[in-house]
Amino acid sequence: MGNRLAGKIAIITGAGSGIGAAGARLFAGQGATVVVNDVRADTARAVAAEIVAAGGRAVDHVADVTKPDEVDELVARTRRDLGRLDVFWSNAGGAVPEPTESVSLAEYQRLIALNLDSVFYGTQSALRVMLEQQSGSILMTTSGAGLRAVRHLAVYGMAKAGVISLARSIAADYGRFGIRANAISPGPMATPQFLAWLATVRDGLRRFEAQVPVGRLGTPEDIAHAAVFLASDEASFVNGVTLPVDGGVHAVFAAPPVEGTAKSD
């Protein structure tokens, strides 16, 4: 247990599993009271109960973040029951690769709603509370697909690029009111879905990890630790950034493999 977020009230969306759940556990372990949001009641309840059993403070709240009225109620309940809102982390999102020419209109609208609209709804609702407080930290989960093109993720990538732009705009517009906004860009993660896909490729895991400068896939906890820093007072002068947490993938330019290490004379 730590105290880097002691006394803070934090909402984390999509916190019933994966990155969001890891973030909820770590936030609570650092002293925050966490509102565990998910669209599924069972997963939200389970994560909140796990935190409480470990000695932390958490409540669950079921809401579909693609529906603005449900997001407003999530924020309103947090303020009503817990008194304030210090951190809003828009984390819910996701996509499955699909060739752009095959994406249906319904799927396009679903992806934009989940990965971009929901972030705007959460940001807008949180701002109304944070402006009254004259303080707050807004976090957004983007993706490497928002920084660089990823094959068959055009719609997801454009939504995540929009999230990066939104974070910058909020930082610029509201920094003078004590409100910061930052984005986290996860790299390739060892999620069950991604690992299952790699298993369909010959020697897929080893070959993929060889492309990551640190030599491994990321974990939800890697992202959670970055989020704790950005949400904490330690990052009080960090505003409008997109922080890649990807083992150095964003830093690499495509080039032929070179064996060994170059030596200078």
C-alpha atoms as a PDB file:
ATOM      1  CA  MET A   1       0.000   0.000   0.000  1.00  0.00           C
ATOM      2  CA  GLY A   2       1.175   3.530  -0.785  1.00  0.00           C
ATOM      3  CA  ASN A   3      -0.135   7.073  -0.561  1.00  0.00           C
ATOM      4  CA  ARG A   4       0.630   8.670  -3.924  1.00  0.00           C
ATOM      5  CA  LEU A   5      -3.124   9.121  -4.520  1.00  0.00           C
ATOM      6  CA  ALA A   6      -4.186   9.469  -0.896  1.00  0.00           C
ATOM      7  CA  GLY A   7      -7.563  11.173  -0.527  1.00  0.00           C
ATOM      8  CA  LYS A   8      -8.307  11.279  -4.244  1.00  0.00           C
ATOM      9  CA  ILE A   9     -11.622  10.173  -5.738  1.00  0.00           C
ATOM     10  CA  ALA A  10     -11.158   8.446  -9.101  1.00  0.00           C
ATOM     11  CA  ILE A  11     -13.502   7.062 -11.738  1.00  0.00           C
ATOM     12  CA  ILE A  12     -12.041   4.444 -14.082  1.00  0.00           C
ATOM     13  CA  THR A  13     -14.172   3.301 -17.003  1.00  0.00           C
ATOM     14  CA  GLY A  14     -13.883  -0.191 -18.411  1.00  0.00           C
ATOM     15  CA  ALA A  15     -12.427  -1.261 -15.068  1.00  0.00           C
ATOM     16  CA  GLY A  16     -14.003  -4.697 -14.908  1.00  0.00           C
ATOM     17  CA  SER A  17     -11.023  -6.343 -16.592  1.00  0.00           C
ATOM     18  CA  GLY A  18      -7.636  -5.784 -18.213  1.00  0.00           C
ATOM     19  CA  ILE A  19      -5.975  -2.378 -17.960  1.00  0.00           C
ATOM     20  CA  GLY A  20      -8.906  -0.802 -16.155  1.00  0.00           C
ATOM     21  CA  ALA A  21      -9.006  -3.477 -13.458  1.00  0.00           C
ATOM     22  CA  ALA A  22      -5.234  -3.252 -12.940  1.00  0.00           C
ATOM     23  CA  GLY A  23      -5.577   0.507 -12.687  1.00  0.00           C
ATOM     24  CA  ALA A  24      -8.391   0.247 -10.145  1.00  0.00           C
ATOM     25  CA  ARG A  25      -6.353  -2.078  -7.940  1.00  0.00           C
ATOM     26  CA  LEU A  26      -3.229   0.082  -8.109  1.00  0.00           C
ATOM     27  CA  PHE A  27      -5.103   3.353  -7.594  1.00  0.00           C
ATOM     28  CA  ALA A  28      -6.745   1.917  -4.491  1.00  0.00           C
ATOM     29  CA  GLY A  29      -3.408   0.554  -3.335  1.00  0.00           C
ATOM     30  CA  GLN A  30      -2.039   4.097  -3.551  1.00  0.00           C
ATOM     31  CA  GLY A  31      -4.817   5.514  -1.379  1.00  0.00           C
ATOM     32  CA  ALA A  32      -7.533   6.536  -3.851  1.00  0.00           C
ATOM     33  CA  THR A  33     -11.206   5.761  -3.522  1.00  0.00           C
ATOM     34  CA  VAL A  34     -12.063   4.146  -6.847  1.00  0.00           C
ATOM     35  CA  VAL A  35     -15.367   4.057  -8.681  1.00  0.00           C
ATOM     36  CA  VAL A  36     -15.098   0.886 -10.730  1.00  0.00           C
ATOM     37  CA  ASN A  37     -17.149   1.354 -13.880  1.00  0.00           C
ATOM     38  CA  ASP A  38     -17.972  -1.327 -16.395  1.00  0.00           C
ATOM     39  CA  VAL A  39     -20.862  -2.190 -18.677  1.00  0.00           C
ATOM     40  CA  ARG A  40     -21.025  -5.606 -16.976  1.00  0.00           C
ATOM     41  CA  ALA A  41     -22.324  -5.664 -13.417  1.00  0.00           C
ATOM     42  CA  ASP A  42     -20.571  -8.895 -12.430  1.00  0.00           C
ATOM     43  CA  THR A  43     -17.062  -7.798 -13.400  1.00  0.00           C
ATOM     44  CA  ALA A  44     -17.394  -4.305 -11.895  1.00  0.00           C
ATOM     45  CA  ARG A  45     -18.716  -5.778  -8.656  1.00  0.00           C
ATOM     46  CA  ALA A  46     -15.968  -8.393  -8.510  1.00  0.00           C
ATOM     47  CA  VAL A  47     -13.130  -5.883  -8.927  1.00  0.00           C
ATOM     48  CA  ALA A  48     -14.605  -3.505  -6.350  1.00  0.00           C
ATOM     49  CA  ALA A  49     -15.097  -6.375  -3.883  1.00  0.00           C
ATOM     50  CA  GLU A  50     -11.509  -7.526  -4.409  1.00  0.00           C
ATOM     51  CA  ILE A  51     -10.227  -4.030  -3.625  1.00  0.00           C
ATOM     52  CA  VAL A  52     -12.326  -3.764  -0.471  1.00  0.00           C
ATOM     53  CA  ALA A  53     -11.227  -7.223   0.675  1.00  0.00           C
ATOM     54  CA  ALA A  54      -7.613  -6.103   0.312  1.00  0.00           C
ATOM     55  CA  GLY A  55      -8.247  -3.100   2.555  1.00  0.00           C
ATOM     56  CA  GLY A  56      -8.866  -0.473  -0.131  1.00  0.00           C
ATOM     57  CA  ARG A  57     -11.841   1.728  -0.888  1.00  0.00           C
ATOM     58  CA  ALA A  58     -13.968   1.102  -3.966  1.00  0.00           C
ATOM     59  CA  VAL A  59     -17.539   1.078  -5.205  1.00  0.00           C
ATOM     60  CA  ASP A  60     -18.896  -0.356  -8.439  1.00  0.00           C
ATOM     61  CA  HIS A  61     -21.097   1.497 -10.888  1.00  0.00           C
ATOM     62  CA  VAL A  62     -22.575  -0.072 -14.014  1.00  0.00           C
ATOM     63  CA  ALA A  63     -22.878   2.298 -16.971  1.00  0.00           C
ATOM     64  CA  ASP A  64     -22.604   2.140 -20.744  1.00  0.00           C
ATOM     65  CA  VAL A  65     -20.141   4.938 -21.466  1.00  0.00           C
ATOM     66  CA  THR A  66     -21.410   5.279 -25.038  1.00  0.00           C
ATOM     67  CA  LYS A  67     -24.601   6.751 -23.571  1.00  0.00           C
ATOM     68  CA  PRO A  68     -24.113  10.326 -22.330  1.00  0.00           C
ATOM     69  CA  ASP A  69     -26.954  10.202 -19.800  1.00  0.00           C
ATOM     70  CA  GLU A  70     -25.413   7.154 -18.139  1.00  0.00           C
ATOM     71  CA  VAL A  71     -22.014   8.864 -18.015  1.00  0.00           C
ATOM     72  CA  ASP A  72     -23.598  11.942 -16.444  1.00  0.00           C
ATOM     73  CA  GLU A  73     -25.186   9.731 -13.784  1.00  0.00           C
ATOM     74  CA  LEU A  74     -21.845   8.021 -13.126  1.00  0.00           C
ATOM     75  CA  VAL A  75     -20.217  11.375 -12.419  1.00  0.00           C
ATOM     76  CA  ALA A  76     -23.236  12.755 -10.529  1.00  0.00           C
ATOM     77  CA  ARG A  77     -23.376   9.718  -8.243  1.00  0.00           C
ATOM     78  CA  THR A  78     -19.648   9.971  -7.546  1.00  0.00           C
ATOM     79  CA  ARG A  79     -19.962  13.606  -6.565  1.00  0.00           C
ATOM     80  CA  ARG A  80     -23.138  12.973  -4.553  1.00  0.00           C
ATOM     81  CA  ASP A  81     -21.818   9.989  -2.613  1.00  0.00           C
ATOM     82  CA  LEU A  82     -18.106  10.774  -2.373  1.00  0.00           C
ATOM     83  CA  GLY A  83     -18.121  14.580  -2.386  1.00  0.00           C
ATOM     84  CA  ARG A  84     -15.796  15.355  -5.284  1.00  0.00           C
ATOM     85  CA  LEU A  85     -14.029  14.015  -8.367  1.00  0.00           C
ATOM     86  CA  ASP A  86     -10.261  14.225  -8.666  1.00  0.00           C
ATOM     87  CA  VAL A  87      -9.504  11.804 -11.496  1.00  0.00           C
ATOM     88  CA  PHE A  88     -11.556  10.659 -14.472  1.00  0.00           C
ATOM     89  CA  TRP A  89      -9.837   7.965 -16.508  1.00  0.00           C
ATOM     90  CA  SER A  90     -11.590   7.179 -19.801  1.00  0.00           C
ATOM     91  CA  ASN A  91     -10.210   3.728 -20.377  1.00  0.00           C
ATOM     92  CA  ALA A  92     -13.040   1.746 -22.000  1.00  0.00           C
ATOM     93  CA  GLY A  93     -12.452   0.874 -25.642  1.00  0.00           C
ATOM     94  CA  GLY A  94     -11.320  -1.790 -28.049  1.00  0.00           C
ATOM     95  CA  ALA A  95     -11.537  -3.187 -31.568  1.00  0.00           C
ATOM     96  CA  VAL A  96     -10.980  -6.293 -33.655  1.00  0.00           C
ATOM     97  CA  PRO A  97      -8.914  -5.931 -36.875  1.00  0.00           C
ATOM     98  CA  GLU A  98     -10.986  -5.822 -40.050  1.00  0.00           C
ATOM     99  CA  PRO A  99     -10.154  -4.634 -43.576  1.00  0.00           C
ATOM    100  CA  THR A 100     -11.504  -1.129 -44.035  1.00  0.00           C
ATOM    101  CA  GLU A 101     -13.559  -2.002 -47.112  1.00  0.00           C
ATOM    102  CA  SER A 102     -15.426  -4.622 -45.062  1.00  0.00           C
ATOM    103  CA  VAL A 103     -16.393  -2.425 -42.113  1.00  0.00           C
ATOM    104  CA  SER A 104     -20.166  -1.976 -42.012  1.00  0.00           C
ATOM    105  CA  LEU A 105     -21.787   1.330 -41.166  1.00  0.00           C
ATOM    106  CA  ALA A 106     -23.101  -0.137 -37.916  1.00  0.00           C
ATOM    107  CA  GLU A 107     -19.633  -1.359 -36.928  1.00  0.00           C
ATOM    108  CA  TYR A 108     -18.073   1.984 -37.850  1.00  0.00           C
ATOM    109  CA  GLN A 109     -20.561   3.811 -35.655  1.00  0.00           C
ATOM    110  CA  ARG A 110     -20.011   1.342 -32.796  1.00  0.00           C
ATOM    111  CA  LEU A 111     -16.240   1.778 -32.909  1.00  0.00           C
ATOM    112  CA  ILE A 112     -16.451   5.575 -32.946  1.00  0.00           C
ATOM    113  CA  ALA A 113     -19.007   5.554 -30.127  1.00  0.00           C
ATOM    114  CA  LEU A 114     -16.888   3.301 -27.914  1.00  0.00           C
ATOM    115  CA  ASN A 115     -13.433   4.688 -28.632  1.00  0.00           C
ATOM    116  CA  LEU A 116     -14.049   8.417 -29.170  1.00  0.00           C
ATOM    117  CA  ASP A 117     -17.570   9.535 -28.273  1.00  0.00           C
ATOM    118  CA  SER A 118     -17.395   7.878 -24.852  1.00  0.00           C
ATOM    119  CA  VAL A 119     -14.164   9.723 -24.065  1.00  0.00           C
ATOM    120  CA  PHE A 120     -15.755  13.045 -24.970  1.00  0.00           C
ATOM    121  CA  TYR A 121     -18.832  12.312 -22.847  1.00  0.00           C
ATOM    122  CA  GLY A 122     -16.706  11.428 -19.837  1.00  0.00           C
ATOM    123  CA  THR A 123     -14.433  14.412 -20.298  1.00  0.00           C
ATOM    124  CA  GLN A 124     -17.314  16.845 -20.625  1.00  0.00           C
ATOM    125  CA  SER A 125     -19.143  15.502 -17.598  1.00  0.00           C
ATOM    126  CA  ALA A 126     -15.994  15.472 -15.471  1.00  0.00           C
ATOM    127  CA  LEU A 127     -15.107  19.015 -16.499  1.00  0.00           C
ATOM    128  CA  ARG A 128     -18.351  20.373 -15.082  1.00  0.00           C
ATOM    129  CA  VAL A 129     -17.397  19.093 -11.635  1.00  0.00           C
ATOM    130  CA  MET A 130     -13.700  19.889 -11.884  1.00  0.00           C
ATOM    131  CA  LEU A 131     -14.345  23.475 -12.966  1.00  0.00           C
ATOM    132  CA  GLU A 132     -16.259  24.089  -9.757  1.00  0.00           C
ATOM    133  CA  GLN A 133     -13.419  22.530  -7.761  1.00  0.00           C
ATOM    134  CA  GLN A 134     -10.742  24.321  -9.814  1.00  0.00           C
ATOM    135  CA  SER A 135      -8.799  21.073  -9.873  1.00  0.00           C
ATOM    136  CA  GLY A 136      -8.739  17.647 -11.455  1.00  0.00           C
ATOM    137  CA  SER A 137      -6.895  15.201 -13.687  1.00  0.00           C
ATOM    138  CA  ILE A 138      -8.408  13.698 -16.821  1.00  0.00           C
ATOM    139  CA  LEU A 139      -6.733  10.605 -18.257  1.00  0.00           C
ATOM    140  CA  MET A 140      -7.513   8.959 -21.578  1.00  0.00           C
ATOM    141  CA  THR A 141      -6.380   5.606 -22.924  1.00  0.00           C
ATOM    142  CA  THR A 142      -5.384   5.942 -26.557  1.00  0.00           C
ATOM    143  CA  SER A 143      -3.359   3.418 -28.579  1.00  0.00           C
ATOM    144  CA  GLY A 144      -0.314   2.976 -30.740  1.00  0.00           C
ATOM    145  CA  ALA A 145      -2.876   2.852 -33.546  1.00  0.00           C
ATOM    146  CA  GLY A 146      -3.569   6.511 -32.816  1.00  0.00           C
ATOM    147  CA  LEU A 147       0.108   7.356 -33.252  1.00  0.00           C
ATOM    148  CA  ARG A 148       0.964   5.160 -36.230  1.00  0.00           C
ATOM    149  CA  ALA A 149      -1.017   3.181 -38.777  1.00  0.00           C
ATOM    150  CA  VAL A 150      -1.858  -0.410 -37.835  1.00  0.00           C
ATOM    151  CA  ARG A 151      -3.127  -2.700 -40.576  1.00  0.00           C
ATOM    152  CA  HIS A 152      -6.882  -3.251 -40.589  1.00  0.00           C
ATOM    153  CA  LEU A 153      -7.499  -0.846 -37.684  1.00  0.00           C
ATOM    154  CA  ALA A 154      -8.297   2.319 -39.633  1.00  0.00           C
ATOM    155  CA  VAL A 155     -11.490   3.232 -37.777  1.00  0.00           C
ATOM    156  CA  TYR A 156     -10.047   2.398 -34.370  1.00  0.00           C
ATOM    157  CA  GLY A 157      -6.899   4.349 -35.222  1.00  0.00           C
ATOM    158  CA  MET A 158      -8.778   7.458 -36.305  1.00  0.00           C
ATOM    159  CA  ALA A 159     -10.822   7.347 -33.097  1.00  0.00           C
ATOM    160  CA  LYS A 160      -7.710   6.995 -30.957  1.00  0.00           C
ATOM    161  CA  ALA A 161      -5.994   9.832 -32.845  1.00  0.00           C
ATOM    162  CA  GLY A 162      -9.043  11.918 -31.969  1.00  0.00           C
ATOM    163  CA  VAL A 163      -8.522  11.062 -28.304  1.00  0.00           C
ATOM    164  CA  ILE A 164      -4.964  12.411 -28.496  1.00  0.00           C
ATOM    165  CA  SER A 165      -6.247  15.643 -30.015  1.00  0.00           C
ATOM    166  CA  LEU A 166      -8.936  15.911 -27.350  1.00  0.00           C
ATOM    167  CA  ALA A 167      -6.386  15.530 -24.552  1.00  0.00           C
ATOM    168  CA  ARG A 168      -4.283  18.332 -26.010  1.00  0.00           C
ATOM    169  CA  SER A 169      -7.285  20.617 -26.407  1.00  0.00           C
ATOM    170  CA  ILE A 170      -8.494  20.066 -22.849  1.00  0.00           C
ATOM    171  CA  ALA A 171      -4.980  20.669 -21.541  1.00  0.00           C
ATOM    172  CA  ALA A 172      -4.731  23.942 -23.431  1.00  0.00           C
ATOM    173  CA  ASP A 173      -8.214  25.183 -22.568  1.00  0.00           C
ATOM    174  CA  TYR A 174      -8.484  24.182 -18.918  1.00  0.00           C
ATOM    175  CA  GLY A 175      -4.966  24.136 -17.501  1.00  0.00           C
ATOM    176  CA  ARG A 176      -5.465  27.596 -16.035  1.00  0.00           C
ATOM    177  CA  PHE A 177      -8.353  26.211 -13.994  1.00  0.00           C
ATOM    178  CA  GLY A 178      -6.190  23.591 -12.313  1.00  0.00           C
ATOM    179  CA  ILE A 179      -7.344  20.813 -14.637  1.00  0.00           C
ATOM    180  CA  ARG A 180      -4.834  18.612 -16.449  1.00  0.00           C
ATOM    181  CA  ALA A 181      -5.482  16.202 -19.325  1.00  0.00           C
ATOM    182  CA  ASN A 182      -3.103  13.514 -20.532  1.00  0.00           C
ATOM    183  CA  ALA A 183      -3.284  10.370 -22.635  1.00  0.00           C
ATOM    184  CA  ILE A 184      -1.593   7.000 -22.261  1.00  0.00           C
ATOM    185  CA  SER A 185      -0.718   5.004 -25.384  1.00  0.00           C
ATOM    186  CA  PRO A 186      -0.343   1.285 -24.595  1.00  0.00           C
ATOM    187  CA  GLY A 187       1.807  -0.824 -26.852  1.00  0.00           C
ATOM    188  CA  PRO A 188       1.357  -4.520 -27.655  1.00  0.00           C
ATOM    189  CA  MET A 189      -0.215  -6.101 -24.593  1.00  0.00           C
ATOM    190  CA  ALA A 190      -0.223  -9.696 -23.389  1.00  0.00           C
ATOM    191  CA  THR A 191      -3.999  -9.875 -23.372  1.00  0.00           C
ATOM    192  CA  PRO A 192      -5.760 -13.236 -23.818  1.00  0.00           C
ATOM    193  CA  GLN A 193      -7.133 -12.081 -27.176  1.00  0.00           C
ATOM    194  CA  PHE A 194      -3.761 -10.986 -28.532  1.00  0.00           C
ATOM    195  CA  LEU A 195      -1.966 -14.073 -27.234  1.00  0.00           C
ATOM    196  CA  ALA A 196      -4.628 -16.288 -28.832  1.00  0.00           C
ATOM    197  CA  TRP A 197      -4.011 -14.563 -32.162  1.00  0.00           C
ATOM    198  CA  LEU A 198      -0.228 -14.956 -31.851  1.00  0.00           C
ATOM    199  CA  ALA A 199      -0.756 -18.666 -31.204  1.00  0.00           C
ATOM    200  CA  THR A 200      -2.187 -18.993 -34.713  1.00  0.00           C
ATOM    201  CA  VAL A 201       1.068 -17.722 -36.238  1.00  0.00           C
ATOM    202  CA  ARG A 202       4.135 -19.966 -36.430  1.00  0.00           C
ATOM    203  CA  ASP A 203       6.496 -18.965 -33.624  1.00  0.00           C
ATOM    204  CA  GLY A 204       4.304 -15.880 -33.314  1.00  0.00           C
ATOM    205  CA  LEU A 205       5.056 -14.825 -29.738  1.00  0.00           C
ATOM    206  CA  ARG A 206       8.832 -15.045 -30.077  1.00  0.00           C
ATOM    207  CA  ARG A 207       8.849 -13.301 -33.441  1.00  0.00           C
ATOM    208  CA  PHE A 208       6.599 -10.514 -32.226  1.00  0.00           C
ATOM    209  CA  GLU A 209       8.505  -9.928 -28.987  1.00  0.00           C
ATOM    210  CA  ALA A 210      11.703  -9.673 -31.029  1.00  0.00           C
ATOM    211  CA  GLN A 211      10.261  -6.505 -32.600  1.00  0.00           C
ATOM    212  CA  VAL A 212       9.763  -4.848 -29.192  1.00  0.00           C
ATOM    213  CA  PRO A 213      12.969  -3.141 -28.010  1.00  0.00           C
ATOM    214  CA  VAL A 214      12.574  -4.376 -24.417  1.00  0.00           C
ATOM    215  CA  GLY A 215      11.895  -7.887 -25.708  1.00  0.00           C
ATOM    216  CA  ARG A 216       8.465  -8.571 -24.213  1.00  0.00           C
ATOM    217  CA  LEU A 217       4.804  -7.713 -24.416  1.00  0.00           C
ATOM    218  CA  GLY A 218       3.294  -5.230 -22.006  1.00  0.00           C
ATOM    219  CA  THR A 219       1.077  -5.999 -19.027  1.00  0.00           C
ATOM    220  CA  PRO A 220      -1.957  -4.135 -17.656  1.00  0.00           C
ATOM    221  CA  GLU A 221       0.152  -3.239 -14.631  1.00  0.00           C
ATOM    222  CA  ASP A 222       2.653  -1.421 -16.869  1.00  0.00           C
ATOM    223  CA  ILE A 223      -0.131   0.914 -17.954  1.00  0.00           C
ATOM    224  CA  ALA A 224      -1.543   1.230 -14.438  1.00  0.00           C
ATOM    225  CA  HIS A 225       1.781   2.445 -13.037  1.00  0.00           C
ATOM    226  CA  ALA A 226       1.965   5.158 -15.700  1.00  0.00           C
ATOM    227  CA  ALA A 227      -1.606   6.198 -14.897  1.00  0.00           C
ATOM    228  CA  VAL A 228      -0.832   6.507 -11.188  1.00  0.00           C
ATOM    229  CA  PHE A 229       1.995   8.898 -11.978  1.00  0.00           C
ATOM    230  CA  LEU A 230      -0.111  11.044 -14.323  1.00  0.00           C
ATOM    231  CA  ALA A 231      -2.988  11.156 -11.830  1.00  0.00           C
ATOM    232  CA  SER A 232      -0.757  12.039  -8.898  1.00  0.00           C
ATOM    233  CA  ASP A 233       0.442  15.429  -7.701  1.00  0.00           C
ATOM    234  CA  GLU A 234       3.926  14.370  -8.825  1.00  0.00           C
ATOM    235  CA  ALA A 235       2.730  15.132 -12.361  1.00  0.00           C
ATOM    236  CA  SER A 236       1.299  18.553 -11.524  1.00  0.00           C
ATOM    237  CA  PHE A 237       3.294  20.153 -14.378  1.00  0.00           C
ATOM    238  CA  VAL A 238       2.576  17.369 -16.875  1.00  0.00           C
ATOM    239  CA  ASN A 239      -0.278  18.467 -19.114  1.00  0.00           C
ATOM    240  CA  GLY A 240      -1.321  17.657 -22.674  1.00  0.00           C
ATOM    241  CA  VAL A 241       1.101  14.787 -23.216  1.00  0.00           C
ATOM    242  CA  THR A 242       0.576  11.412 -24.836  1.00  0.00           C
ATOM    243  CA  LEU A 243       2.774   8.951 -22.987  1.00  0.00           C
ATOM    244  CA  PRO A 244       3.669   5.807 -24.959  1.00  0.00           C
ATOM    245  CA  VAL A 245       3.986   2.796 -22.662  1.00  0.00           C
ATOM    246  CA  ASP A 246       5.069   0.343 -25.313  1.00  0.00           C
ATOM    247  CA  GLY A 247       8.575  -0.899 -24.620  1.00  0.00           C
ATOM    248  CA  GLY A 248      10.016   1.466 -27.230  1.00  0.00           C
ATOM    249  CA  VAL A 249       7.889   0.387 -30.206  1.00  0.00           C
ATOM    250  CA  HIS A 250       7.017   4.002 -31.053  1.00  0.00           C
ATOM    251  CA  ALA A 251      10.721   4.872 -31.249  1.00  0.00           C
ATOM    252  CA  VAL A 252      11.612   2.306 -33.917  1.00  0.00           C
ATOM    253  CA  PHE A 253      11.733   3.017 -37.644  1.00  0.00           C
ATOM    254  CA  ALA A 254      11.333   0.049 -39.979  1.00  0.00           C
ATOM    255  CA  ALA A 255      14.722  -1.185 -41.167  1.00  0.00           C
ATOM    256  CA  PRO A 256      16.359  -4.464 -42.238  1.00  0.00           C
ATOM    257  CA  PRO A 257      17.550  -6.541 -39.253  1.00  0.00           C
ATOM    258  CA  VAL A 258      21.257  -6.174 -38.473  1.00  0.00           C
ATOM    259  CA  GLU A 259      23.026  -8.911 -36.551  1.00  0.00           C
ATOM    260  CA  GLY A 260      25.238  -7.955 -33.635  1.00  0.00           C
ATOM    261  CA  THR A 261      26.056  -4.523 -32.240  1.00  0.00           C
ATOM    262  CA  ALA A 262      28.022  -1.905 -34.140  1.00  0.00           C
ATOM    263  CA  LYS A 263      31.335  -0.952 -32.566  1.00  0.00           C
ATOM    264  CA  SER A 264      33.146   2.332 -32.928  1.00  0.00           C
ATOM    265  CA  ASP A 265      36.866   2.478 -33.668  1.00  0.00           C
END
